[in-house]
Amino acid sequence: GAVARLGKEVKEREAKATSLRAHLAEAQEELRKARATLRDETEQRRSAESQVDDSAVAARNALRKEEDARRDLRTIRERLAAMEASMEEQSQALHREVDGGARRVEDLELERKNLRLQARSSEDRSHFLEE
């Protein structure tokens, strides 16, 4: 009986060891899957972080371009205002010249009329003296 008992105990332990090996194999497979999932999730996170970084760079570049465009627009407005002021100044100078020219024409016309009157007056005097 002792041998039979030991034989039975060895078989039970071997069965238990086989069962434990099967559980260990299952646990190792689950661990392998969990590590693969973790690797995939880590890669996805890194990829997402990289996309966020790329988006942040793109946003900064867009902001910089917008600031550059605003600065260019401000410069253009300033130059346009300066050109408008210069044109207004030139326009006023031309108006003054035109007004001065018009006054000069009026003065010349008055002078011509005065000369005609003087000429007539002289002719009248000479006719008067001839008589």
Foldseek 3Di string as FASTA:
>chain_A
DVVVVVVVVVVVVVVVVVVVVVVVVVVVVVVVVVVVVVVVVVVVVVVVVVVVVVVVVVVVVVVVVVVVVVVVVVVVVVVVVVVVVVVVVVVVVVVVVVVVVVVVVVVVVVVVVVVVVVVVVVVVVVVVVVD
